[in-house]
């Protein structure tokens, strides 16, 4: 081997790792993103400093105005979509650019946080590469990733040919009902798009990056049991029967013994009240109960939740629970009602193809391959509303910790990484003209 060849080989090894596997346009985007990282952080700070708990409608709209400014500057046609007044929600911000010949994308974020003004967790704070504040991870950083990924695509003149809808919902943390109204525009966008990308936080643990191709459903159920009120001396007799609380205990034990155990299925009891007088408000998740030890309980109420990986699993589980509820103890009756909720995002072959592409991008950026995240490790999200209609992947945001707690934080060094992954993923997918 000549000295010239050896020298060239050494120079190749010395190239930045990020350059390997990226084409010229992708590298231009990566360089632009690094150069504008502080601008992205400034936008994050601006939105985190606006309190926008779901029920703070003025705050949600204020964050929406900031993001609308950004979408307008990108040339998207932005629209604020109000919800009916009786729903008690601020509404959603959608930005649309439907022209272009490439594949079509819906990019999903949300403007609200779990922290209402009364929670006392307010304001953006930075300590080196760590930022704290309400929504800094979930999910105002993901909103920023969307904007800067589109800016990077515009920088290489690729955005003009990419049809895109940006969907910023205003009530992801406490979704307005009915869902047919509050998620209509998002569902319509999912039916229109070729790809649905969700920008809640990324996952990194065990020294590995993980991709989210499946998220379980989230729905609620209420069990109401009636018994015969009587003196406790007659409990279990042919005339009095078991009472409401023993019947509710039978049902819950049977749920645990006969329904529990299927992979990816969980159901939880969040509240239970029983006695002679019961008053429960499921909208407020609170109630009161009164009972005496010498009186057979006449009513019991249980409020629970359920998560499944598919609609089939959801329906089978509901049927199994219904069958158990129907087997009443003497002189009792029970009903179970299932409320609408977030649908599942099932792990389809199309989603897995997106995961393979994202993993290759992650390696090209100098990180390891991305593994498929166990659906048990994530909750429900708005991406699930588009997943039945298009290939989808989630977790495209930055890396944070402590979501939904006053310890919520974000690794600011991961923000440009998330922007690069998203921009390059959209760019590569847009080049597929089949």
Protein backbone atom coordinates (compact mmCIF):
# COMPACT_ATOMS: atom_id res chain seq x y z
CA UNK A 1 0.00 0.00 0.00
CA UNK A 2 1.43 3.40 -0.98
CA UNK A 3 1.94 6.21 1.52
CA UNK A 4 -0.62 8.29 -0.42
CA UNK A 5 -3.32 5.64 0.02
CA UNK A 6 -2.50 5.27 3.71
CA UNK A 7 -2.72 9.04 4.15
CA UNK A 8 -6.10 9.19 2.44
CA UNK A 9 -7.37 6.32 4.60
CA UNK A 10 -6.26 8.15 7.76
CA UNK A 11 -8.01 11.33 6.59
CA UNK A 12 -11.22 9.33 5.99
CA UNK A 13 -11.11 7.90 9.52
CA UNK A 14 -10.67 11.40 10.90
CA UNK A 15 -13.88 12.70 9.30
CA UNK A 16 -16.68 13.60 11.76
CA UNK A 17 -18.85 10.59 12.51
CA UNK A 18 -22.00 12.55 11.60
CA UNK A 19 -20.78 12.85 8.02
CA UNK A 20 -20.91 9.09 7.44
CA UNK A 21 -24.16 7.93 5.89
CA UNK A 22 -25.51 11.43 5.18
CA UNK A 23 -25.81 12.80 1.68
CA UNK A 24 -24.85 16.38 0.89
CA UNK A 25 -28.30 17.83 1.53
CA UNK A 26 -28.66 15.96 4.81
CA UNK A 27 -25.27 17.20 5.95
CA UNK A 28 -26.24 20.76 5.01
CA UNK A 29 -29.35 20.42 7.17
CA UNK A 30 -27.34 18.99 10.07
CA UNK A 31 -24.88 21.87 9.89
CA UNK A 32 -27.68 24.45 9.70
CA UNK A 33 -29.43 22.90 12.71
CA UNK A 34 -26.25 23.05 14.80
CA UNK A 35 -25.76 26.70 13.82
CA UNK A 36 -29.31 27.58 14.90
CA UNK A 37 -29.55 25.50 18.08
CA UNK A 38 -29.67 28.54 20.38
CA UNK A 39 -32.51 30.01 18.33
CA UNK A 40 -34.47 26.80 18.86
CA UNK A 41 -33.81 26.98 22.60
CA UNK A 42 -35.00 30.60 22.63
CA UNK A 43 -38.31 29.55 21.06
CA UNK A 44 -38.62 26.79 23.65
CA UNK A 45 -38.01 29.29 26.44
CA UNK A 46 -40.63 31.67 25.03
CA UNK A 47 -43.34 29.01 25.05
CA UNK A 48 -42.41 27.42 28.39
CA UNK A 49 -42.72 30.86 29.99
CA UNK A 50 -46.40 30.89 29.01
CA UNK A 51 -48.50 28.90 31.46
CA UNK A 52 -50.75 26.67 29.37
CA UNK A 53 -52.43 24.01 31.47
CA UNK A 54 -55.25 22.40 29.49
CA UNK A 55 -57.98 24.28 31.34
CA UNK A 56 -56.13 27.61 31.04
CA UNK A 57 -57.69 28.46 27.71
CA UNK A 58 -56.09 31.88 27.45
CA UNK A 59 -52.65 30.36 28.07
CA UNK A 60 -53.14 27.64 25.48
CA UNK A 61 -54.20 30.24 22.93
CA UNK A 62 -51.17 32.38 23.80
CA UNK A 63 -48.79 29.48 23.08
CA UNK A 64 -50.77 28.91 19.91
CA UNK A 65 -50.12 32.48 18.78
CA UNK A 66 -46.37 31.99 19.18
CA UNK A 67 -46.40 28.78 17.16
CA UNK A 68 -48.75 30.31 14.59
CA UNK A 69 -46.16 33.04 14.04
CA UNK A 70 -43.59 30.34 13.29
CA UNK A 71 -45.86 28.39 10.93
CA UNK A 72 -46.81 31.54 9.07
CA UNK A 73 -43.12 32.40 8.61
CA UNK A 74 -42.63 28.98 7.04
CA UNK A 75 -45.36 29.70 4.51
CA UNK A 76 -47.97 27.36 5.96
CA UNK A 77 -51.61 28.43 5.97
CA UNK A 78 -52.35 28.49 9.70
CA UNK A 79 -55.79 28.21 11.28
CA UNK A 80 -57.01 28.36 14.87
CA UNK A 81 -59.82 25.84 15.32
CA UNK A 82 -62.20 26.70 18.18
CA UNK A 83 -64.01 23.98 20.09
CA UNK A 84 -67.67 24.31 21.14
CA UNK A 85 -68.01 26.44 24.27
CA UNK A 86 -69.62 23.62 26.24
CA UNK A 87 -66.50 21.51 25.73
CA UNK A 88 -64.44 23.96 27.83
CA UNK A 89 -61.29 23.68 25.70
CA UNK A 90 -59.22 26.33 23.94
CA UNK A 91 -59.03 24.68 20.52
CA UNK A 92 -56.23 23.64 18.18
CA UNK A 93 -53.69 25.23 15.84
CA UNK A 94 -53.29 23.65 12.39
CA UNK A 95 -50.83 24.72 9.72
CA UNK A 96 -51.22 23.38 6.20
CA UNK A 97 -49.18 23.31 2.99
CA UNK A 98 -50.94 20.79 0.80
CA UNK A 99 -49.15 21.47 -2.50
CA UNK A 100 -46.17 19.39 -3.56
CA UNK A 101 -45.64 16.07 -5.31
CA UNK A 102 -43.86 14.10 -2.59
CA UNK A 103 -45.34 11.92 0.13
CA UNK A 104 -47.71 13.72 2.52
CA UNK A 105 -46.99 14.22 6.23
CA UNK A 106 -48.93 15.10 9.36
CA UNK A 107 -46.67 16.29 12.21
CA UNK A 108 -48.27 16.16 15.64
CA UNK A 109 -47.64 18.19 18.79
CA UNK A 110 -49.72 19.77 21.56
CA UNK A 111 -49.83 23.22 23.13
CA UNK A 112 -51.15 22.35 26.59
CA UNK A 113 -49.41 20.96 29.68
CA UNK A 114 -50.64 19.09 32.74
CA UNK A 115 -49.69 22.05 34.94
CA UNK A 116 -52.47 24.53 35.67
CA UNK A 117 -51.65 28.00 36.99
CA UNK A 118 -52.51 26.95 40.54
CA UNK A 119 -49.85 24.23 40.50
CA UNK A 120 -47.10 26.77 41.12
CA UNK A 121 -44.64 25.20 38.66
CA UNK A 122 -43.89 28.04 36.28
CA UNK A 123 -41.15 29.47 34.12
CA UNK A 124 -38.17 28.32 32.09
CA UNK A 125 -34.83 27.87 33.87
CA UNK A 126 -31.49 26.82 32.37
CA UNK A 127 -28.45 25.34 34.04
CA UNK A 128 -25.87 24.53 31.39
CA UNK A 129 -27.34 21.93 29.06
CA UNK A 130 -30.34 21.22 31.31
CA UNK A 131 -33.59 23.16 31.20
CA UNK A 132 -36.55 22.89 33.56
CA UNK A 133 -40.08 24.23 33.39
CA UNK A 134 -43.67 23.12 32.81
CA UNK A 135 -43.92 21.41 29.44
CA UNK A 136 -40.22 21.72 28.64
CA UNK A 137 -40.27 17.98 27.87
CA UNK A 138 -43.99 17.26 27.39
CA UNK A 139 -44.17 18.71 24.92
CA UNK A 140 -43.12 22.23 24.06
CA UNK A 141 -39.69 20.97 22.99
CA UNK A 142 -41.38 18.62 20.50
CA UNK A 143 -43.30 21.59 19.10
CA UNK A 144 -39.98 23.36 18.52
CA UNK A 145 -38.53 20.26 16.84
CA UNK A 146 -41.35 20.37 14.28
CA UNK A 147 -40.71 24.02 13.41
CA UNK A 148 -36.94 23.70 13.12
CA UNK A 149 -37.10 20.46 11.13
CA UNK A 150 -39.27 22.30 8.60
CA UNK A 151 -36.86 25.26 8.64
CA UNK A 152 -33.97 22.91 7.91
CA UNK A 153 -35.89 21.42 4.98
CA UNK A 154 -36.58 24.92 3.70
CA UNK A 155 -32.85 25.69 3.98
CA UNK A 156 -32.07 23.04 1.33
CA UNK A 157 -35.11 24.04 -0.79
CA UNK A 158 -36.87 20.73 -0.08
CA UNK A 159 -39.92 22.01 1.80
CA UNK A 160 -41.67 23.43 -1.27
CA UNK A 161 -42.28 19.94 -2.67
CA UNK A 162 -43.46 18.37 0.61
CA UNK A 163 -47.19 18.47 1.46
CA UNK A 164 -47.46 18.84 5.23
CA UNK A 165 -50.01 19.44 7.96
CA UNK A 166 -48.78 20.54 11.37
CA UNK A 167 -51.32 19.67 14.07
CA UNK A 168 -50.90 21.33 17.46
CA UNK A 169 -53.79 20.19 19.66
CA UNK A 170 -54.76 22.26 22.67
CA UNK A 171 -56.13 19.56 24.97
CA UNK A 172 -53.94 16.47 24.74
CA UNK A 173 -53.44 16.24 28.50
CA UNK A 174 -57.18 16.40 29.25
CA UNK A 175 -58.97 15.72 26.02
CA UNK A 176 -62.32 17.32 25.29
CA UNK A 177 -65.34 15.11 24.62
CA UNK A 178 -66.81 13.94 22.37
CA UNK A 179 -63.66 12.79 20.58
CA UNK A 180 -65.47 12.88 17.26
CA UNK A 181 -65.48 16.67 17.67
CA UNK A 182 -62.20 17.33 19.47
CA UNK A 183 -60.15 15.10 17.15
CA UNK A 184 -62.03 15.51 13.88
CA UNK A 185 -59.38 17.65 12.14
CA UNK A 186 -56.56 15.38 13.35
CA UNK A 187 -58.33 12.26 12.11
CA UNK A 188 -59.00 13.94 8.76
CA UNK A 189 -55.30 14.79 8.49
CA UNK A 190 -54.40 11.18 9.23
CA UNK A 191 -56.66 9.98 6.44
CA UNK A 192 -54.99 12.47 4.07
CA UNK A 193 -51.37 11.75 5.02
CA UNK A 194 -48.96 9.03 3.92
CA UNK A 195 -47.05 9.31 7.21
CA UNK A 196 -47.96 10.41 10.73
CA UNK A 197 -45.10 11.61 12.95
CA UNK A 198 -45.57 12.24 16.67
CA UNK A 199 -43.15 14.56 18.44
CA UNK A 200 -43.48 13.76 22.14
CA UNK A 201 -40.18 13.06 23.87
CA UNK A 202 -37.66 10.49 22.72
CA UNK A 203 -36.66 7.56 24.93
CA UNK A 204 -33.08 6.68 25.91
CA UNK A 205 -32.15 4.14 28.55
CA UNK A 206 -29.71 1.25 28.97
CA UNK A 207 -27.34 3.33 26.78
CA UNK A 208 -29.71 2.85 23.83
CA UNK A 209 -32.09 5.04 21.80
CA UNK A 210 -35.56 3.57 21.39
CA UNK A 211 -38.19 4.20 18.72
CA UNK A 212 -41.92 4.21 19.38
CA UNK A 213 -43.95 2.32 16.79
CA UNK A 214 -46.82 1.34 19.09
CA UNK A 215 -48.80 3.00 21.86
CA UNK A 216 -51.63 1.45 23.77
CA UNK A 217 -55.18 2.74 23.93
CA UNK A 218 -56.47 4.59 26.96
CA UNK A 219 -60.13 4.44 27.96
CA UNK A 220 -62.24 4.43 31.11
CA UNK A 221 -64.95 2.27 32.58
CA UNK A 222 -67.45 2.70 35.41
CA UNK A 223 -68.94 -0.20 37.32
CA UNK A 224 -72.13 0.46 39.29
CA UNK A 225 -73.51 -2.17 41.65
CA UNK A 226 -76.86 -2.17 43.44
CA UNK A 227 -77.74 -4.30 46.46
CA UNK A 228 -80.65 -4.66 48.87
CA UNK A 229 -80.41 -2.30 51.82
CA UNK A 230 -81.24 -4.18 55.02
CA UNK A 231 -80.15 -4.82 58.60
CA UNK A 232 -76.76 -6.52 58.61
CA UNK A 233 -78.09 -9.42 60.66
CA UNK A 234 -79.74 -10.70 57.49
CA UNK A 235 -76.76 -10.47 55.16
CA UNK A 236 -76.26 -13.59 53.01
CA UNK A 237 -79.80 -14.76 53.75
CA UNK A 238 -82.19 -15.72 50.96
CA UNK A 239 -84.17 -12.57 51.63
CA UNK A 240 -81.30 -10.04 51.81
CA UNK A 241 -78.48 -11.44 49.70
CA UNK A 242 -74.85 -10.33 49.47
CA UNK A 243 -75.06 -6.55 49.31
CA UNK A 244 -73.37 -4.21 46.88
CA UNK A 245 -69.86 -4.26 48.33
CA UNK A 246 -69.51 -8.04 48.35
CA UNK A 247 -70.77 -8.08 44.78
CA UNK A 248 -68.27 -5.46 43.67
CA UNK A 249 -65.53 -7.45 45.42
CA UNK A 250 -66.56 -10.57 43.48
CA UNK A 251 -66.47 -8.73 40.18
CA UNK A 252 -63.06 -7.13 40.74
CA UNK A 253 -61.56 -10.42 41.93
CA UNK A 254 -62.89 -12.13 38.80
CA UNK A 255 -61.42 -9.37 36.61
CA UNK A 256 -58.05 -10.05 38.23
CA UNK A 257 -58.28 -13.83 37.98
CA UNK A 258 -59.95 -14.26 34.57
CA UNK A 259 -59.23 -11.17 32.46
CA UNK A 260 -55.75 -10.16 33.56
CA UNK A 261 -52.67 -11.66 31.92
CA UNK A 262 -52.90 -11.05 28.18
CA UNK A 263 -49.81 -9.37 26.72
CA UNK A 264 -50.01 -5.56 26.62
CA UNK A 265 -53.36 -5.53 28.43
CA UNK A 266 -53.70 -3.60 31.68
CA UNK A 267 -56.71 -2.31 33.56
CA UNK A 268 -56.68 -0.31 36.73
CA UNK A 269 -59.11 0.64 39.50
CA UNK A 270 -58.66 4.32 40.26
CA UNK A 271 -61.49 4.91 42.72
CA UNK A 272 -64.04 2.82 44.60
CA UNK A 273 -66.87 3.96 46.86
CA UNK A 274 -69.55 1.90 48.59
CA UNK A 275 -72.17 2.13 51.29
CA UNK A 276 -75.78 3.12 51.81
CA UNK A 277 -75.30 6.53 50.21
CA UNK A 278 -72.80 7.07 47.39
CA UNK A 279 -72.23 10.19 45.30
CA UNK A 280 -69.47 10.06 42.68
CA UNK A 281 -68.60 12.54 39.90
CA UNK A 282 -66.41 10.84 37.27
CA UNK A 283 -65.56 14.18 35.62
CA UNK A 284 -63.94 15.38 38.84
CA UNK A 285 -62.69 11.93 39.90
CA UNK A 286 -64.05 12.44 43.38
CA UNK A 287 -67.09 11.61 45.51
CA UNK A 288 -68.47 10.77 48.94
CA UNK A 289 -69.80 7.63 50.57
CA UNK A 290 -71.64 6.89 53.82
CA UNK A 291 -72.30 3.51 55.36
CA UNK A 292 -72.74 1.81 58.71
CA UNK A 293 -71.42 -1.53 59.83
CA UNK A 294 -74.89 -2.73 60.77
CA UNK A 295 -76.46 -1.89 57.39
CA UNK A 296 -76.01 -3.94 54.22
CA UNK A 297 -74.51 -1.69 51.54
CA UNK A 298 -76.93 -0.80 48.77
CA UNK A 299 -74.56 0.80 46.28
CA UNK A 300 -70.97 0.68 45.08
CA UNK A 301 -69.20 2.56 42.29
CA UNK A 302 -65.83 1.72 40.73
CA UNK A 303 -64.02 4.02 38.28
CA UNK A 304 -61.24 2.41 36.28
CA UNK A 305 -59.07 2.67 33.19
CA UNK A 306 -57.92 0.24 30.51
CA UNK A 307 -55.06 0.09 27.99
CA UNK A 308 -54.82 -2.26 25.01
CA UNK A 309 -52.53 -2.73 22.03
CA UNK A 310 -55.32 -3.25 19.45
CA UNK A 311 -59.02 -2.62 18.92
CA UNK A 312 -59.55 -6.39 18.86
CA UNK A 313 -57.96 -6.73 22.29
CA UNK A 314 -60.08 -3.85 23.56
CA UNK A 315 -63.34 -5.41 22.37
CA UNK A 316 -62.46 -8.88 23.67
CA UNK A 317 -61.57 -7.46 27.07
CA UNK A 318 -64.77 -5.48 27.30
CA UNK A 319 -66.78 -8.58 26.42
CA UNK A 320 -65.01 -10.64 29.10
CA UNK A 321 -65.68 -7.96 31.72
CA UNK A 322 -69.32 -7.73 30.69
CA UNK A 323 -69.74 -11.48 31.12
CA UNK A 324 -68.35 -11.36 34.66
CA UNK A 325 -70.56 -8.41 35.61
CA UNK A 326 -73.64 -10.33 34.43
CA UNK A 327 -73.07 -13.15 36.98
CA UNK A 328 -74.69 -11.39 39.93
CA UNK A 329 -74.70 -12.57 43.52
CA UNK A 330 -78.16 -12.92 45.16
CA UNK A 331 -80.23 -9.71 45.32
CA UNK A 332 -77.63 -7.64 43.50
CA UNK A 333 -77.38 -6.17 40.03
CA UNK A 334 -74.49 -4.53 38.22
CA UNK A 335 -73.78 -2.57 35.07
CA UNK A 336 -70.50 -1.57 33.48
CA UNK A 337 -70.16 1.34 31.07
CA UNK A 338 -67.19 1.90 28.80
CA UNK A 339 -66.31 5.46 27.84
CA UNK A 340 -64.65 6.49 24.59
CA UNK A 341 -60.93 7.03 24.76
CA UNK A 342 -57.65 7.14 22.89
CA UNK A 343 -57.40 4.35 20.30
CA UNK A 344 -54.38 2.05 20.15
CA UNK A 345 -51.45 2.61 17.82
CA UNK A 346 -50.75 -0.97 16.81
CA UNK A 347 -47.22 -2.13 15.80
CA UNK A 348 -47.80 -2.54 12.05
CA UNK A 349 -45.33 -3.54 9.35
CA UNK A 350 -45.50 0.01 7.97
CA UNK A 351 -44.58 1.45 11.36
CA UNK A 352 -41.66 -0.95 11.57
CA UNK A 353 -40.38 0.24 8.19
CA UNK A 354 -40.30 3.76 9.60
CA UNK A 355 -38.40 2.45 12.61
CA UNK A 356 -35.78 0.87 10.35
CA UNK A 357 -35.32 4.17 8.50
CA UNK A 358 -35.09 6.17 11.73
CA UNK A 359 -32.56 3.72 13.14
CA UNK A 360 -30.37 4.12 10.05
CA UNK A 361 -30.53 7.91 10.45
CA UNK A 362 -29.59 7.62 14.11
CA UNK A 363 -26.52 5.59 13.17
CA UNK A 364 -25.61 8.06 10.43
CA UNK A 365 -25.66 10.79 13.09
CA UNK A 366 -23.08 8.92 15.13
CA UNK A 367 -25.36 7.09 17.55
CA UNK A 368 -26.25 3.43 17.77
CA UNK A 369 -29.18 1.60 16.20
CA UNK A 370 -32.62 2.33 17.62
CA UNK A 371 -34.53 -0.56 19.12
CA UNK A 372 -38.29 -1.02 19.18
CA UNK A 373 -39.76 0.27 22.45
CA UNK A 374 -42.04 -1.96 24.50
CA UNK A 375 -45.55 -0.38 24.33
CA UNK A 376 -45.90 -0.93 28.08
CA UNK A 377 -43.36 1.84 28.60
CA UNK A 378 -45.44 4.64 27.03
CA UNK A 379 -48.91 6.05 27.50
CA UNK A 380 -51.44 7.10 24.89
CA UNK A 381 -50.95 10.12 22.62
CA UNK A 382 -52.58 12.02 19.77
CA UNK A 383 -50.58 10.10 17.15
CA UNK A 384 -52.90 7.18 17.89
CA UNK A 385 -55.77 9.00 16.17
CA UNK A 386 -53.93 8.99 12.84
CA UNK A 387 -52.28 5.56 13.19
CA UNK A 388 -55.33 3.57 11.95
CA UNK A 389 -55.11 5.38 8.61
CA UNK A 390 -51.40 5.80 7.86
CA UNK A 391 -47.94 4.54 8.78
CA UNK A 392 -46.85 6.26 11.97
CA UNK A 393 -43.99 6.64 14.40
CA UNK A 394 -43.77 8.60 17.65
CA UNK A 395 -41.17 9.73 20.15
CA UNK A 396 -39.44 12.11 17.72
CA UNK A 397 -38.88 14.80 20.33
CA UNK A 398 -35.86 15.59 22.48
CA UNK A 399 -34.72 13.73 25.61
CA UNK A 400 -36.31 14.73 28.89
CA UNK A 401 -37.14 13.40 32.32
CA UNK A 402 -39.77 13.85 34.99
CA UNK A 403 -42.72 14.54 32.71
CA UNK A 404 -45.96 15.39 34.56
CA UNK A 405 -43.97 16.22 37.72
CA UNK A 406 -42.39 19.42 39.11
CA UNK A 407 -39.03 17.81 38.27
CA UNK A 408 -39.64 17.96 34.52
CA UNK A 409 -36.40 18.66 32.66
CA UNK A 410 -34.87 18.54 29.19
CA UNK A 411 -31.38 17.74 27.91
CA UNK A 412 -30.86 20.77 25.67
CA UNK A 413 -28.03 18.98 23.86
CA UNK A 414 -30.60 16.51 22.55
CA UNK A 415 -32.73 19.21 20.92
CA UNK A 416 -30.57 19.60 17.77
CA UNK A 417 -30.26 15.81 17.60
CA UNK A 418 -34.05 15.45 17.56
CA UNK A 419 -34.37 18.17 14.91
CA UNK A 420 -31.80 16.41 12.70
CA UNK A 421 -33.50 13.03 13.06
CA UNK A 422 -36.87 14.52 12.15
CA UNK A 423 -35.65 16.64 9.24
CA UNK A 424 -33.66 13.81 7.68
CA UNK A 425 -36.50 11.32 8.19
CA UNK A 426 -38.98 13.62 6.44
CA UNK A 427 -36.45 14.30 3.69
CA UNK A 428 -35.75 10.61 3.04
CA UNK A 429 -39.40 9.61 3.14
CA UNK A 430 -40.31 12.47 0.80
CA UNK A 431 -37.89 11.11 -1.81
CA UNK A 432 -39.90 7.89 -2.11
CA UNK A 433 -42.15 8.56 -5.13
CA UNK A 434 -43.69 5.09 -5.39
